[in-house]
Amino acid sequence: MTQYLISFRTLTQAQRAARLLERTGYTVTLRRIPANLSVSGCGYALTLRTRVSEAAVLLKERGLWTGKLFRREDSGDFREVMP
């Protein structure tokens, strides 16, 4: 199954987004963003597997997300994608 990462600049942003998504039926995991995906070397991400475009729209509508969306490739690497 495909895995997606939605990136956030701060832990607080990621936690708020996780709570919203969980309340609306998503299963998410909060984690540190892989170092190779972060320009500043820090950041947090939510991982999810389904309804990614819907989740991105919901987060943007609520003003909780201005980050990037990544998809894990078969090689294990992440590639930025558009929601």
N, C-alpha and C. Protein backbone atom coordinates (compact mmCIF):
# COMPACT_ATOMS: atom_id res chain seq x y z
N MET A 1 0.84 -1.17 0.00
CA MET A 1 0.00 0.00 0.00
C MET A 1 0.89 1.24 0.00
N THR A 2 0.49 2.26 -0.72
CA THR A 2 1.27 3.48 -0.85
C THR A 2 1.24 4.29 0.43
N GLN A 3 2.38 4.85 0.79
CA GLN A 3 2.49 5.68 1.98
C GLN A 3 2.77 7.12 1.56
N TYR A 4 2.11 8.05 2.21
CA TYR A 4 2.29 9.48 1.94
C TYR A 4 2.75 10.18 3.20
N LEU A 5 3.51 11.26 3.02
CA LEU A 5 3.93 12.13 4.11
C LEU A 5 3.42 13.53 3.82
N ILE A 6 2.79 14.13 4.80
CA ILE A 6 2.42 15.54 4.73
C ILE A 6 3.33 16.26 5.70
N SER A 7 4.13 17.19 5.20
CA SER A 7 5.15 17.82 6.04
C SER A 7 4.63 19.08 6.73
N PHE A 8 5.22 19.35 7.90
CA PHE A 8 4.90 20.53 8.71
C PHE A 8 6.19 21.11 9.25
N ARG A 9 6.19 22.41 9.49
CA ARG A 9 7.40 23.05 10.00
C ARG A 9 7.57 22.88 11.50
N THR A 10 6.45 22.77 12.22
CA THR A 10 6.54 22.67 13.68
C THR A 10 5.76 21.47 14.20
N LEU A 11 6.14 21.05 15.37
CA LEU A 11 5.45 19.95 16.03
C LEU A 11 4.00 20.33 16.34
N THR A 12 3.79 21.57 16.78
CA THR A 12 2.44 22.03 17.11
C THR A 12 1.52 21.96 15.90
N GLN A 13 1.98 22.41 14.74
CA GLN A 13 1.17 22.33 13.52
C GLN A 13 0.82 20.88 13.21
N ALA A 14 1.79 20.01 13.30
CA ALA A 14 1.56 18.60 12.98
C ALA A 14 0.58 17.97 13.97
N GLN A 15 0.69 18.31 15.25
CA GLN A 15 -0.22 17.77 16.25
C GLN A 15 -1.65 18.24 16.03
N ARG A 16 -1.83 19.50 15.71
CA ARG A 16 -3.17 20.03 15.44
C ARG A 16 -3.78 19.35 14.21
N ALA A 17 -2.97 19.19 13.19
CA ALA A 17 -3.45 18.54 11.97
C ALA A 17 -3.82 17.08 12.24
N ALA A 18 -3.00 16.40 13.03
CA ALA A 18 -3.28 15.00 13.37
C ALA A 18 -4.60 14.87 14.10
N ARG A 19 -4.84 15.75 15.06
CA ARG A 19 -6.10 15.70 15.81
C ARG A 19 -7.30 15.91 14.89
N LEU A 20 -7.21 16.88 14.00
CA LEU A 20 -8.31 17.14 13.07
C LEU A 20 -8.56 15.92 12.18
N LEU A 21 -7.51 15.38 11.60
CA LEU A 21 -7.68 14.24 10.70
C LEU A 21 -8.22 13.02 11.45
N GLU A 22 -7.73 12.78 12.64
CA GLU A 22 -8.23 11.64 13.42
C GLU A 22 -9.71 11.81 13.78
N ARG A 23 -10.12 13.03 14.11
CA ARG A 23 -11.54 13.29 14.41
C ARG A 23 -12.43 13.08 13.19
N THR A 24 -11.87 13.21 12.00
CA THR A 24 -12.67 13.05 10.78
C THR A 24 -12.46 11.68 10.13
N GLY A 25 -11.87 10.73 10.88
CA GLY A 25 -11.83 9.35 10.41
C GLY A 25 -10.55 8.87 9.77
N TYR A 26 -9.50 9.67 9.76
CA TYR A 26 -8.23 9.25 9.17
C TYR A 26 -7.38 8.52 10.21
N THR A 27 -6.55 7.64 9.74
CA THR A 27 -5.53 7.02 10.57
C THR A 27 -4.20 7.65 10.17
N VAL A 28 -3.57 8.35 11.09
CA VAL A 28 -2.32 9.03 10.80
C VAL A 28 -1.28 8.68 11.85
N THR A 29 -0.02 8.85 11.49
CA THR A 29 1.09 8.67 12.42
C THR A 29 1.94 9.92 12.35
N LEU A 30 2.26 10.48 13.50
CA LEU A 30 3.12 11.65 13.58
C LEU A 30 4.56 11.18 13.71
N ARG A 31 5.46 11.77 12.92
CA ARG A 31 6.87 11.37 12.96
C ARG A 31 7.75 12.54 12.56
N ARG A 32 9.03 12.42 12.84
CA ARG A 32 10.01 13.40 12.34
C ARG A 32 10.11 13.20 10.85
N ILE A 33 10.29 14.29 10.15
CA ILE A 33 10.44 14.18 8.70
C ILE A 33 11.85 13.66 8.40
N PRO A 34 12.00 12.78 7.42
CA PRO A 34 13.35 12.32 7.08
C PRO A 34 14.26 13.51 6.74
N ALA A 35 15.49 13.46 7.20
CA ALA A 35 16.43 14.57 7.04
C ALA A 35 16.61 15.00 5.59
N ASN A 36 16.57 14.06 4.67
CA ASN A 36 16.79 14.41 3.26
C ASN A 36 15.60 15.15 2.64
N LEU A 37 14.47 15.24 3.33
CA LEU A 37 13.30 15.95 2.82
C LEU A 37 13.15 17.34 3.41
N SER A 38 13.95 17.67 4.40
CA SER A 38 13.83 18.95 5.08
C SER A 38 15.01 19.85 4.75
N VAL A 39 14.71 21.05 4.28
CA VAL A 39 15.77 22.01 3.95
C VAL A 39 16.49 22.45 5.21
N SER A 40 15.75 22.68 6.29
CA SER A 40 16.36 23.18 7.52
C SER A 40 16.86 22.08 8.44
N GLY A 41 16.62 20.83 8.07
CA GLY A 41 17.09 19.72 8.88
C GLY A 41 16.15 19.31 9.98
N CYS A 42 15.01 19.98 10.07
CA CYS A 42 14.03 19.60 11.08
C CYS A 42 12.63 19.73 10.50
N GLY A 43 11.69 19.22 11.20
CA GLY A 43 10.31 19.26 10.76
C GLY A 43 9.61 17.98 11.14
N TYR A 44 8.33 17.99 10.94
CA TYR A 44 7.50 16.84 11.32
C TYR A 44 6.58 16.50 10.16
N ALA A 45 6.08 15.29 10.19
CA ALA A 45 5.21 14.84 9.12
C ALA A 45 4.14 13.91 9.67
N LEU A 46 3.03 13.89 8.97
CA LEU A 46 2.00 12.91 9.23
C LEU A 46 2.06 11.90 8.10
N THR A 47 2.02 10.64 8.44
CA THR A 47 1.94 9.61 7.41
C THR A 47 0.50 9.13 7.32
N LEU A 48 0.05 8.91 6.11
CA LEU A 48 -1.26 8.34 5.88
C LEU A 48 -1.24 7.57 4.58
N ARG A 49 -2.24 6.74 4.38
CA ARG A 49 -2.25 5.84 3.24
C ARG A 49 -3.46 6.01 2.32
N THR A 50 -4.53 6.62 2.80
CA THR A 50 -5.73 6.73 1.99
C THR A 50 -6.28 8.15 2.01
N ARG A 51 -7.07 8.48 1.01
CA ARG A 51 -7.78 9.76 0.91
C ARG A 51 -6.85 10.95 1.13
N VAL A 52 -5.68 10.89 0.54
CA VAL A 52 -4.65 11.90 0.76
C VAL A 52 -5.07 13.26 0.22
N SER A 53 -5.64 13.29 -0.98
CA SER A 53 -6.06 14.57 -1.56
C SER A 53 -7.13 15.23 -0.70
N GLU A 54 -8.08 14.44 -0.21
CA GLU A 54 -9.12 14.98 0.66
C GLU A 54 -8.53 15.53 1.95
N ALA A 55 -7.57 14.83 2.51
CA ALA A 55 -6.93 15.29 3.74
C ALA A 55 -6.20 16.60 3.50
N ALA A 56 -5.49 16.72 2.39
CA ALA A 56 -4.75 17.94 2.07
C ALA A 56 -5.71 19.12 1.92
N VAL A 57 -6.83 18.91 1.25
CA VAL A 57 -7.81 19.98 1.07
C VAL A 57 -8.37 20.41 2.43
N LEU A 58 -8.72 19.45 3.27
CA LEU A 58 -9.26 19.76 4.59
C LEU A 58 -8.27 20.57 5.41
N LEU A 59 -7.02 20.15 5.42
CA LEU A 59 -6.00 20.87 6.20
C LEU A 59 -5.78 22.28 5.66
N LYS A 60 -5.76 22.43 4.35
CA LYS A 60 -5.58 23.77 3.77
C LYS A 60 -6.78 24.66 4.08
N GLU A 61 -7.98 24.12 3.99
CA GLU A 61 -9.18 24.91 4.30
C GLU A 61 -9.18 25.41 5.74
N ARG A 62 -8.65 24.61 6.64
CA ARG A 62 -8.60 24.98 8.06
C ARG A 62 -7.36 25.80 8.42
N GLY A 63 -6.50 26.05 7.42
CA GLY A 63 -5.30 26.84 7.66
C GLY A 63 -4.24 26.12 8.46
N LEU A 64 -4.26 24.79 8.43
CA LEU A 64 -3.32 24.00 9.22
C LEU A 64 -2.13 23.48 8.43
N TRP A 65 -2.12 23.71 7.12
CA TRP A 65 -1.03 23.11 6.35
C TRP A 65 -0.64 24.00 5.18
N THR A 66 0.65 24.26 5.08
CA THR A 66 1.22 24.96 3.93
C THR A 66 2.48 24.24 3.47
N GLY A 67 2.65 23.00 3.91
CA GLY A 67 3.86 22.23 3.63
C GLY A 67 3.82 21.51 2.29
N LYS A 68 4.48 20.39 2.25
CA LYS A 68 4.60 19.59 1.03
C LYS A 68 4.02 18.21 1.24
N LEU A 69 3.72 17.55 0.14
CA LEU A 69 3.20 16.19 0.15
C LEU A 69 4.19 15.30 -0.58
N PHE A 70 4.55 14.19 0.05
CA PHE A 70 5.49 13.24 -0.52
C PHE A 70 4.87 11.86 -0.60
N ARG A 71 5.25 11.10 -1.61
CA ARG A 71 4.81 9.70 -1.75
C ARG A 71 6.05 8.81 -1.72
N ARG A 72 5.96 7.70 -0.99
CA ARG A 72 7.08 6.75 -0.93
C ARG A 72 7.07 5.91 -2.21
N GLU A 73 8.17 5.90 -2.91
CA GLU A 73 8.33 5.13 -4.13
C GLU A 73 8.68 3.68 -3.79
N ASP A 74 8.62 2.80 -4.78
CA ASP A 74 8.97 1.39 -4.57
C ASP A 74 10.40 1.23 -4.07
N SER A 75 11.27 2.18 -4.43
CA SER A 75 12.66 2.13 -4.00
C SER A 75 12.83 2.48 -2.52
N GLY A 76 11.77 3.03 -1.91
CA GLY A 76 11.85 3.47 -0.52
C GLY A 76 12.09 4.95 -0.38
N ASP A 77 12.46 5.61 -1.49
CA ASP A 77 12.68 7.05 -1.49
C ASP A 77 11.34 7.77 -1.55
N PHE A 78 11.33 9.02 -1.06
CA PHE A 78 10.14 9.82 -1.14
C PHE A 78 10.26 10.82 -2.29
N ARG A 79 9.13 11.05 -2.97
CA ARG A 79 9.09 11.99 -4.08
C ARG A 79 7.95 12.96 -3.81
N GLU A 80 8.23 14.26 -4.01
CA GLU A 80 7.18 15.25 -3.80
C GLU A 80 6.11 15.12 -4.88
N VAL A 81 4.87 15.17 -4.45
CA VAL A 81 3.73 15.08 -5.38
C VAL A 81 2.75 16.19 -5.06
N MET A 82 1.87 16.45 -5.98
CA MET A 82 0.81 17.45 -5.78
C MET A 82 -0.43 16.74 -5.28
N PRO A 83 -1.11 17.32 -4.29
CA PRO A 83 -2.34 16.69 -3.81
C PRO A 83 -3.47 16.80 -4.82
